Amino acid sequence: MINKIKYTLVLIAFCFAGCAKNEFEHRLQNPAAFTKTVSIEDIKTLYKEQPLTLSTSFFIEGIVVGVEGNSLHLQEKAESGIRIYHSSQTSFAPGDKLKVALGGKTLTKEGNILVLKDVTEIEKIGEGVAIVTPVTVTRLRDNLAKFASTLVSVENVEIGNSTDMNGGKAFDIKDATGTVKSFLRTNADYQLPDKAAVFTGVVSVNENIVYLNTRKEEDIQKVYVPPTVFELIVNNSDLVKTPISDAVVDIAPGVKLIQAQYINSANLATAFAMFEVDLTQTDVALEVGMPDDKPVFGKRQSLADMAKFKNATLAASGRTVLGGIAGDFWSTTPVEPFGPVVRDGVELKSGFYDNREFFGVLKDRTCIVGNKAVYDQNKQNLQQAIGGRAILLNGEIVDQATARDPRPAIAYSTDKKVYLFIGDGRQTAWSNGFSTFEMAKLFKAIGAHSAVYMAGGN
């Protein structure tokens, strides 16, 4: 007989223990007073339907997403890019992060697309990952000015009708809404298949023909691969300006640890870690953690020590604690949480402070968030519960109007997935924290139904 190893995830334990954004000023008559990095979108607003020589000392920054001869496609964020014609002797490649001097350069149009010409001063300042925006062909065509020189993806495409061109072939890329072209060079080390579940490429416009050009074979997914949690955040919200890193680790059956760092829409470094817990996996459990693993209040204890005591209790069962986050808000005299506490079906505290909310796991392993009335209606069916403040209810954001700080939160989806979230903060170079509005947008982007946040800290 093979005994299954069971896991306990300590749901919530009572844990006691810049980048300044300069707003661009549109002063075309007197721009010489400004010497700074500005956004690609702000540069585009200077164009007034005539070629414009940029006589200022502006710089733009972005990630190379495509190279075509003496031109680069430079993407700053999702739906924001520009084509740059340059005479630099340095070779650049997709993934390079560049700083481009704009003084004396020409902003003009090719067809209906803005481009920069005569660029000479380009500096590689690092490497990065560009955001890919899912689109349909019709949406791409209808918003070319927005998507030009950025990465987009189209699902369920047919590929065919190739035409010989200088240096390669042009193929028709067709989805249910329309058709664009894709150019593949003769010396490419891969071929385009007849069909693709997801087709990713750089949007380029040449002689008024729209191209979606792949960069590598991995841009073509023959079988649909569901997006990761971080990809959902990128695609379904405006939180991420520039991804820096992300990782997913399967730490046990039904439990993933997700970590990511990025530059947010306010140009601030931001990082988080999050457990994704699948409660359809019966070998995984969520439990309210308590000091010394005892159902009493009045003592401060770290998460690490709570896990140590819990593991001692579990030693004979073959189960182990995988992780936890700090929970609820609390008073120090006496030492106890503000909200209700239910542990293993036993109510340890029933009070609600200041009409706040709670998060609970019912005996059928579904989850619930609500106020005291909802708690009272479901009390007899609660297996675990703890207090918090709602930031997402039934898929709708509840804005608590708080500043950016390090914060824990917990959310759930209707398919019995639970997300235990920690947003890092107060570390300017690493992460500047989350507002509750930003956490709510993050949870909504990944498909959560409801969420609460708890007390922050370092």
Protein backbone atom coordinates (compact mmCIF):
# COMPACT_ATOMS: atom_id res chain seq x y z
CA MET A 1 0.00 0.00 0.00
CA ILE A 2 1.23 3.48 -0.89
CA ASN A 3 0.16 6.14 1.56
CA LYS A 4 -0.62 9.49 0.03
CA ILE A 5 1.27 12.37 1.58
CA LYS A 6 -1.15 15.00 2.72
CA TYR A 7 -0.47 18.69 3.03
CA THR A 8 -1.73 21.48 5.18
CA LEU A 9 -1.43 25.05 3.99
CA VAL A 10 -1.70 27.39 6.96
CA LEU A 11 -4.27 29.71 5.50
CA ILE A 12 -3.72 32.71 7.71
CA ALA A 13 -1.67 33.09 10.84
CA PHE A 14 -1.85 35.92 13.32
CA CYS A 15 1.59 37.31 12.75
CA PHE A 16 2.64 39.83 15.39
CA ALA A 17 5.91 40.04 15.78
CA GLY A 18 11.29 55.60 -6.45
CA CYS A 19 11.09 56.31 -8.66
CA ALA A 20 9.19 59.60 -8.90
CA LYS A 21 7.09 60.01 -12.03
CA ASN A 22 7.60 63.33 -13.81
CA GLU A 23 4.52 64.24 -15.80
CA PHE A 24 5.41 65.21 -19.34
CA GLU A 25 4.56 68.79 -20.29
CA HIS A 26 3.50 69.45 -23.88
CA ARG A 27 5.38 72.68 -24.63
CA LEU A 28 6.29 72.46 -28.29
CA GLN A 29 7.07 76.18 -28.53
CA ASN A 30 9.73 76.02 -25.81
CA PRO A 31 10.85 72.41 -25.32
CA ALA A 32 14.53 73.11 -24.69
CA ALA A 33 13.98 73.44 -20.95
CA PHE A 34 13.38 69.70 -20.63
CA THR A 35 16.08 67.02 -20.54
CA LYS A 36 14.57 63.75 -19.42
CA THR A 37 13.17 60.40 -20.39
CA VAL A 38 9.61 60.62 -21.68
CA SER A 39 7.11 58.07 -22.89
CA ILE A 40 6.59 57.05 -26.48
CA GLU A 41 2.94 58.04 -26.22
CA ASP A 42 3.86 61.55 -25.07
CA ILE A 43 6.24 61.96 -28.00
CA LYS A 44 3.46 60.93 -30.38
CA THR A 45 1.20 63.70 -29.04
CA LEU A 46 3.66 66.29 -30.39
CA TYR A 47 2.96 65.29 -33.98
CA LYS A 48 0.63 67.72 -35.82
CA GLU A 49 0.26 66.05 -39.24
CA GLN A 50 3.59 67.47 -40.47
CA PRO A 51 7.11 66.00 -40.16
CA LEU A 52 8.54 67.30 -36.89
CA THR A 53 12.19 67.73 -35.96
CA LEU A 54 12.59 67.12 -32.25
CA SER A 55 14.92 69.90 -31.12
CA THR A 56 14.78 68.87 -27.47
CA SER A 57 17.01 66.66 -25.35
CA PHE A 58 14.35 64.01 -24.80
CA PHE A 59 15.08 60.32 -24.47
CA ILE A 60 12.74 57.37 -24.83
CA GLU A 61 13.27 53.88 -23.47
CA GLY A 62 11.85 50.59 -24.64
CA ILE A 63 12.44 46.96 -25.48
CA VAL A 64 13.35 45.81 -28.98
CA VAL A 65 10.62 43.51 -30.26
CA GLY A 66 11.67 43.38 -33.90
CA VAL A 67 14.53 44.21 -36.27
CA GLU A 68 13.97 44.99 -39.97
CA GLY A 69 17.07 46.09 -41.86
CA ASN A 70 18.11 49.48 -40.50
CA SER A 71 14.99 49.85 -38.38
CA LEU A 72 13.96 48.70 -34.93
CA HIS A 73 10.52 48.15 -33.44
CA LEU A 74 10.74 49.56 -29.90
CA GLN A 75 7.96 48.74 -27.44
CA GLU A 76 7.58 50.65 -24.19
CA LYS A 77 4.52 48.91 -22.75
CA ALA A 78 1.43 47.09 -23.98
CA GLU A 79 -0.08 48.94 -26.95
CA SER A 80 2.75 51.50 -27.06
CA GLY A 81 5.59 51.20 -29.55
CA ILE A 82 7.34 53.00 -32.40
CA ARG A 83 9.52 52.12 -35.39
CA ILE A 84 12.97 53.72 -35.35
CA TYR A 85 15.17 54.14 -38.43
CA HIS A 86 18.77 54.45 -37.32
CA SER A 87 22.35 54.62 -38.54
CA SER A 88 23.98 53.16 -35.44
CA GLN A 89 26.83 50.75 -36.12
CA THR A 90 25.77 48.62 -33.14
CA SER A 91 23.61 45.55 -33.75
CA PHE A 92 20.56 45.12 -31.57
CA ALA A 93 18.37 42.09 -30.96
CA PRO A 94 14.87 41.39 -29.63
CA GLY A 95 14.90 41.66 -25.86
CA ASP A 96 17.46 44.48 -25.70
CA LYS A 97 16.34 47.42 -23.59
CA LEU A 98 17.43 50.66 -25.24
CA LYS A 99 17.70 54.35 -24.46
CA VAL A 100 17.23 56.49 -27.58
CA ALA A 101 18.17 60.18 -27.86
CA LEU A 102 15.58 62.20 -29.79
CA GLY A 103 17.26 65.60 -30.20
CA GLY A 104 17.34 66.60 -33.89
CA LYS A 105 15.44 63.48 -34.98
CA THR A 106 12.43 63.46 -37.27
CA LEU A 107 8.98 62.30 -36.23
CA THR A 108 6.95 61.56 -39.34
CA LYS A 109 4.41 59.16 -40.81
CA GLU A 110 4.66 56.16 -43.07
CA GLY A 111 1.15 55.69 -44.29
CA ASN A 112 -0.84 56.32 -41.11
CA ILE A 113 1.87 55.10 -38.72
CA LEU A 114 4.24 57.40 -36.83
CA VAL A 115 7.96 56.57 -37.11
CA LEU A 116 11.24 58.14 -35.97
CA LYS A 117 13.93 58.75 -38.57
CA ASP A 118 17.60 59.80 -38.62
CA VAL A 119 18.30 58.32 -35.17
CA THR A 120 22.01 58.05 -34.39
CA GLU A 121 22.38 57.84 -30.60
CA ILE A 122 21.15 54.54 -29.14
CA GLU A 123 22.43 52.96 -25.94
CA LYS A 124 21.71 49.45 -24.68
CA ILE A 125 20.89 49.75 -20.97
CA GLY A 126 19.81 46.20 -20.24
CA GLU A 127 17.40 43.49 -21.29
CA GLY A 128 13.68 43.02 -20.76
CA VAL A 129 10.51 41.17 -21.68
CA ALA A 130 7.85 42.90 -23.76
CA ILE A 131 4.15 42.50 -23.04
CA VAL A 132 2.09 40.58 -25.61
CA THR A 133 -1.47 41.84 -26.20
CA PRO A 134 -4.10 39.31 -27.38
CA VAL A 135 -6.11 40.67 -30.33
CA THR A 136 -8.27 39.61 -33.23
CA VAL A 137 -7.25 40.54 -36.76
CA THR A 138 -10.12 43.00 -36.97
CA ARG A 139 -9.15 44.69 -33.72
CA LEU A 140 -5.56 44.90 -34.93
CA ARG A 141 -6.56 46.49 -38.23
CA ASP A 142 -8.95 48.93 -36.57
CA ASN A 143 -6.26 50.09 -34.12
CA LEU A 144 -3.07 50.05 -36.16
CA ALA A 145 -1.76 53.31 -34.72
CA LYS A 146 -1.97 51.76 -31.27
CA PHE A 147 -0.52 48.33 -32.03
CA ALA A 148 2.16 49.21 -34.59
CA SER A 149 5.65 48.10 -33.44
CA THR A 150 4.29 46.08 -30.52
CA LEU A 151 3.87 42.38 -29.84
CA VAL A 152 0.39 40.94 -30.26
CA SER A 153 -1.05 37.44 -30.45
CA VAL A 154 -3.94 36.03 -32.47
CA GLU A 155 -5.68 32.77 -31.63
CA ASN A 156 -6.87 29.98 -33.91
CA VAL A 157 -5.27 31.07 -37.17
CA GLU A 158 -4.92 29.44 -40.57
CA ILE A 159 -1.70 30.04 -42.49
CA GLY A 160 -1.41 29.81 -46.25
CA ASN A 161 -1.25 31.49 -49.70
CA SER A 162 2.46 32.26 -49.67
CA THR A 163 3.94 34.88 -52.02
CA ASP A 164 7.63 35.11 -52.93
CA MET A 165 9.27 38.37 -51.86
CA ASN A 166 12.79 39.71 -51.77
CA GLY A 167 14.56 37.72 -49.02
CA GLY A 168 11.65 35.47 -48.07
CA LYS A 169 7.95 34.75 -48.36
CA ALA A 170 4.75 36.49 -47.23
CA PHE A 171 1.97 34.30 -45.86
CA ASP A 172 -1.70 34.97 -45.20
CA ILE A 173 -2.55 34.84 -41.47
CA LYS A 174 -6.28 34.41 -41.07
CA ASP A 175 -8.55 34.20 -38.02
CA ALA A 176 -12.35 34.28 -37.85
CA THR A 177 -12.40 38.08 -38.27
CA GLY A 178 -9.94 38.82 -41.05
CA THR A 179 -6.53 38.41 -42.69
CA VAL A 180 -3.08 39.99 -42.35
CA LYS A 181 0.32 39.03 -43.74
CA SER A 182 3.40 37.49 -42.12
CA PHE A 183 6.87 37.70 -43.64
CA LEU A 184 9.31 34.83 -43.07
CA ARG A 185 12.89 35.22 -44.19
CA THR A 186 14.50 32.57 -46.39
CA ASN A 187 17.25 31.98 -43.81
CA ALA A 188 14.81 31.39 -40.93
CA ASP A 189 15.51 28.12 -39.10
CA TYR A 190 11.80 27.21 -38.89
CA GLN A 191 8.74 27.04 -41.10
CA LEU A 192 5.20 28.29 -40.61
CA PRO A 193 2.66 25.48 -40.08
CA ASP A 194 -0.78 25.32 -41.71
CA LYS A 195 -2.52 26.22 -38.45
CA ALA A 196 -1.66 27.67 -35.06
CA ALA A 197 -3.57 27.84 -31.79
CA VAL A 198 -1.73 31.06 -30.92
CA PHE A 199 0.31 33.15 -33.38
CA THR A 200 2.51 35.88 -31.83
CA GLY A 201 4.36 38.53 -33.77
CA VAL A 202 5.49 42.12 -34.20
CA VAL A 203 3.03 44.44 -35.93
CA SER A 204 4.70 46.07 -38.92
CA VAL A 205 3.20 48.15 -41.74
CA ASN A 206 4.98 48.26 -45.09
CA GLU A 207 3.44 49.93 -48.15
CA ASN A 208 0.10 49.98 -46.32
CA ILE A 209 0.14 46.20 -45.85
CA VAL A 210 -0.21 44.96 -42.28
CA TYR A 211 2.29 42.28 -41.24
CA LEU A 212 2.42 40.16 -38.11
CA ASN A 213 5.99 38.86 -38.12
CA THR A 214 7.20 36.10 -35.84
CA ARG A 215 10.61 36.40 -34.15
CA LYS A 216 11.27 32.74 -33.39
CA GLU A 217 9.63 29.33 -33.63
CA GLU A 218 8.29 29.61 -30.07
CA ASP A 219 6.00 32.43 -31.26
CA ILE A 220 3.86 29.76 -32.92
CA GLN A 221 1.86 27.55 -30.56
CA LYS A 222 0.33 24.61 -32.34
CA VAL A 223 -1.55 23.58 -29.20
CA TYR A 224 -3.27 26.10 -26.96
CA VAL A 225 -1.45 26.62 -23.66
CA PRO A 226 -3.50 28.42 -21.00
CA PRO A 227 -1.91 31.68 -19.86
CA THR A 228 -0.07 31.74 -16.55
CA VAL A 229 -1.39 33.80 -13.65
CA PHE A 230 1.12 36.55 -14.38
CA GLU A 231 0.17 36.55 -18.07
CA LEU A 232 -3.46 37.03 -17.02
CA ILE A 233 -2.42 40.02 -14.91
CA VAL A 234 -0.51 41.49 -17.85
CA ASN A 235 -3.25 40.85 -20.41
CA ASN A 236 -6.33 41.70 -18.33
CA SER A 237 -5.22 44.80 -16.43
CA ASP A 238 -3.16 47.96 -16.78
CA LEU A 239 -1.02 47.17 -13.73
CA VAL A 240 2.13 46.06 -15.56
CA LYS A 241 4.14 48.49 -17.65
CA THR A 242 7.32 46.39 -17.98
CA PRO A 243 7.70 42.78 -16.79
CA ILE A 244 11.03 42.04 -15.11
CA SER A 245 10.73 38.43 -13.96
CA ASP A 246 8.14 35.82 -13.11
CA ALA A 247 8.28 32.20 -11.99
CA VAL A 248 5.86 29.41 -11.13
CA VAL A 249 6.91 26.52 -8.90
CA ASP A 250 4.76 23.45 -8.21
CA ILE A 251 5.51 22.87 -4.54
CA ALA A 252 2.93 20.11 -4.02
CA PRO A 253 0.01 18.55 -5.92
CA GLY A 254 -2.58 21.33 -6.13
CA VAL A 255 -0.29 24.07 -4.77
CA LYS A 256 1.76 26.53 -6.84
CA LEU A 257 4.01 29.35 -5.72
CA ILE A 258 3.88 32.31 -8.12
CA GLN A 259 6.43 35.12 -7.89
CA ALA A 260 6.79 38.17 -10.11
CA GLN A 261 8.48 41.54 -10.31
CA TYR A 262 7.63 44.34 -12.74
CA ILE A 263 7.51 48.08 -13.26
CA ASN A 264 3.95 49.20 -12.65
CA SER A 265 1.91 51.80 -14.51
CA ALA A 266 3.20 54.48 -12.13
CA ASN A 267 6.81 53.60 -13.04
CA LEU A 268 7.44 51.99 -9.65
CA ALA A 269 9.21 48.68 -9.00
CA THR A 270 6.64 46.16 -7.76
CA ALA A 271 6.89 42.54 -6.60
CA PHE A 272 4.61 39.91 -5.14
CA ALA A 273 4.47 36.26 -4.14
CA MET A 274 1.27 34.24 -4.20
CA PHE A 275 0.15 30.70 -3.45
CA GLU A 276 -2.44 29.22 -5.80
CA VAL A 277 -4.26 26.46 -3.91
CA ASP A 278 -6.59 24.04 -5.69
CA LEU A 279 -9.15 22.88 -3.15
CA THR A 280 -10.45 20.22 -5.51
CA GLN A 281 -7.29 18.34 -4.50
CA THR A 282 -8.42 16.61 -1.32
CA ASP A 283 -4.85 16.10 -0.06
CA VAL A 284 -4.52 19.87 0.38
CA ALA A 285 -6.14 21.75 3.25
CA LEU A 286 -6.39 25.35 4.41
CA GLU A 287 -6.39 26.08 8.12
CA VAL A 288 -6.32 29.11 10.39
CA GLY A 289 -2.96 29.15 12.12
CA MET A 290 -2.73 29.90 15.85
CA PRO A 291 0.13 30.52 18.32
CA ASP A 292 1.56 27.22 19.60
CA ASP A 293 -1.10 25.50 17.46
CA LYS A 294 -3.62 26.05 20.26
CA PRO A 295 -7.15 27.50 19.95
CA VAL A 296 -6.47 30.46 22.24
CA PHE A 297 -5.58 34.13 21.76
CA GLY A 298 -3.34 36.43 23.76
CA LYS A 299 0.13 35.59 22.44
CA ARG A 300 2.26 36.99 19.64
CA GLN A 301 4.07 34.52 17.41
CA SER A 302 5.82 34.57 14.03
CA LEU A 303 4.61 32.58 11.04
CA ALA A 304 7.75 30.43 11.16
CA ASP A 305 7.12 29.48 14.79
CA MET A 306 3.44 28.78 14.11
CA ALA A 307 4.48 26.44 11.30
CA LYS A 308 6.98 24.72 13.62
CA PHE A 309 4.32 24.02 16.25
CA LYS A 310 1.83 22.88 13.61
CA ASN A 311 4.34 20.51 12.05
CA ALA A 312 5.00 19.01 15.48
CA THR A 313 1.27 18.32 15.80
CA LEU A 314 1.18 16.81 12.30
CA ALA A 315 4.35 14.72 12.62
CA ALA A 316 2.62 11.38 13.05
CA SER A 317 0.17 11.99 10.20
CA GLY A 318 2.72 12.46 7.40
CA ARG A 319 1.36 15.93 6.67
CA THR A 320 3.34 19.15 6.59
CA VAL A 321 2.84 22.91 6.46
CA LEU A 322 3.69 24.41 3.08
CA GLY A 323 3.28 28.10 3.82
CA GLY A 324 1.12 30.86 5.19
CA ILE A 325 0.41 34.59 5.27
CA ALA A 326 -0.41 37.06 8.02
CA GLY A 327 -4.10 37.49 8.66
CA ASP A 328 -6.83 39.91 9.73
CA PHE A 329 -6.19 43.09 11.72
CA TRP A 330 -5.68 42.91 15.47
CA SER A 331 -5.63 44.73 18.75
CA THR A 332 -2.67 44.62 21.11
CA THR A 333 -4.65 44.98 24.35
CA PRO A 334 -5.84 42.30 24.49
CA VAL A 335 -3.90 40.50 21.73
CA GLU A 336 -6.66 39.24 19.45
CA PRO A 337 -7.95 39.67 15.88
CA PHE A 338 -10.64 42.20 14.98
CA GLY A 339 -12.82 39.72 13.10
CA PRO A 340 -14.32 36.28 13.59
CA VAL A 341 -12.26 33.10 13.80
CA VAL A 342 -13.45 29.60 12.92
CA ARG A 343 -10.90 26.80 13.05
CA ASP A 344 -11.70 23.24 11.99
CA GLY A 345 -15.42 23.93 12.31
CA VAL A 346 -15.18 25.42 15.81
CA GLU A 347 -16.02 29.10 16.32
CA LEU A 348 -13.32 30.70 18.48
CA LYS A 349 -14.46 34.30 18.03
CA SER A 350 -17.66 35.73 16.57
CA GLY A 351 -17.26 39.50 16.80
CA PHE A 352 -16.94 41.91 13.87
CA TYR A 353 -15.12 45.22 14.30
CA ASP A 354 -16.39 48.29 12.42
CA ASN A 355 -18.71 46.35 10.08
CA ARG A 356 -15.84 44.61 8.33
CA GLU A 357 -15.93 41.38 6.34
CA PHE A 358 -14.53 37.85 6.54
CA PHE A 359 -13.10 35.09 4.36
CA GLY A 360 -14.29 31.54 4.95
CA VAL A 361 -13.94 27.99 3.68
CA LEU A 362 -17.15 25.97 3.88
CA LYS A 363 -17.29 22.28 4.72
CA ASP A 364 -17.74 21.39 1.04
CA ARG A 365 -14.43 23.26 0.33
CA THR A 366 -16.09 26.15 -1.46
CA CYS A 367 -15.19 29.65 -0.27
CA ILE A 368 -17.12 32.71 0.79
CA VAL A 369 -16.55 36.41 1.50
CA GLY A 370 -19.12 38.62 3.15
CA ASN A 371 -20.26 40.76 6.08
CA LYS A 372 -21.65 39.72 9.46
CA ALA A 373 -25.05 38.88 7.99
CA VAL A 374 -23.44 36.48 5.51
CA TYR A 375 -21.33 35.03 8.32
CA ASP A 376 -24.37 34.40 10.51
CA GLN A 377 -26.21 32.74 7.62
CA ASN A 378 -23.32 30.34 6.96
CA LYS A 379 -21.81 29.92 10.43
CA GLN A 380 -22.95 26.35 10.92
CA ASN A 381 -21.34 25.32 7.63
CA LEU A 382 -17.98 27.07 8.08
CA GLN A 383 -14.83 24.97 8.39
CA GLN A 384 -12.35 27.88 8.53
CA ALA A 385 -12.90 31.64 8.74
CA ILE A 386 -11.01 34.82 9.51
CA GLY A 387 -11.66 38.56 9.27
CA GLY A 388 -10.50 41.08 6.68
CA ARG A 389 -11.69 43.97 4.56
CA ALA A 390 -13.36 43.25 1.22
CA ILE A 391 -11.67 44.61 -1.91
CA LEU A 392 -13.48 42.42 -4.47
CA LEU A 393 -17.07 41.18 -4.20
CA ASN A 394 -18.76 39.10 -6.89
CA GLY A 395 -16.14 40.22 -9.39
CA GLU A 396 -16.61 43.94 -8.66
CA ILE A 397 -13.90 46.11 -7.12
CA VAL A 398 -14.49 47.62 -3.69
CA ASP A 399 -12.00 50.50 -3.42
CA GLN A 400 -10.78 51.05 0.14
CA ALA A 401 -8.65 54.07 -0.97
CA THR A 402 -5.43 53.08 0.78
CA ALA A 403 -1.84 54.03 -0.03
CA ARG A 404 0.76 51.63 -1.40
CA ASP A 405 2.14 49.37 1.33
CA PRO A 406 3.28 45.78 1.80
CA ARG A 407 0.01 43.88 2.12
CA PRO A 408 -1.38 40.35 2.47
CA ALA A 409 -4.66 39.37 0.87
CA ILE A 410 -6.69 36.29 0.03
CA ALA A 411 -9.02 35.65 -2.90
CA TYR A 412 -10.94 32.77 -4.40
CA SER A 413 -12.46 31.78 -7.73
CA THR A 414 -15.60 29.78 -8.36
CA ASP A 415 -13.59 26.72 -9.45
CA LYS A 416 -12.30 26.24 -5.86
CA LYS A 417 -8.95 27.94 -6.37
CA VAL A 418 -7.69 30.11 -3.51
CA TYR A 419 -4.97 32.75 -3.84
CA LEU A 420 -2.85 33.69 -0.82
CA PHE A 421 -1.09 36.91 -1.76
CA ILE A 422 1.78 38.94 -0.34
CA GLY A 423 2.70 42.23 -1.99
CA ASP A 424 6.20 43.38 -1.08
CA GLY A 425 6.72 47.04 -0.19
CA ARG A 426 8.79 49.78 1.41
CA GLN A 427 11.83 48.71 -0.62
CA THR A 428 12.14 51.36 -3.34
CA ALA A 429 14.49 49.45 -5.64
CA TRP A 430 12.64 46.13 -5.26
CA SER A 431 8.97 46.85 -4.55
CA ASN A 432 6.95 49.89 -3.51
CA GLY A 433 3.89 48.02 -2.31
CA PHE A 434 0.25 47.78 -3.39
CA SER A 435 -2.83 49.85 -2.83
CA THR A 436 -5.99 47.87 -2.17
CA PHE A 437 -7.30 49.08 -5.54
CA GLU A 438 -4.26 47.60 -7.27
CA MET A 439 -4.67 44.28 -5.44
CA ALA A 440 -8.34 44.18 -6.40
CA LYS A 441 -7.47 44.82 -10.06
CA LEU A 442 -4.88 42.03 -9.89
CA PHE A 443 -7.38 39.55 -8.46
CA LYS A 444 -10.04 40.54 -10.98
CA ALA A 445 -7.52 40.07 -13.81
CA ILE A 446 -6.88 36.45 -12.81
CA GLY A 447 -10.60 35.68 -12.58
CA ALA A 448 -11.17 35.82 -8.82
CA HIS A 449 -14.71 36.09 -7.51
CA SER A 450 -14.11 37.84 -4.17
CA ALA A 451 -11.17 38.90 -1.99
CA VAL A 452 -10.23 40.50 1.33
CA TYR A 453 -7.03 42.19 2.42
CA MET A 454 -5.47 42.11 5.87
CA ALA A 455 -2.99 44.14 7.92
CA GLY A 456 0.26 45.00 6.16
CA GLY A 457 3.78 45.16 7.47
CA ASN A 458 7.35 44.64 6.32
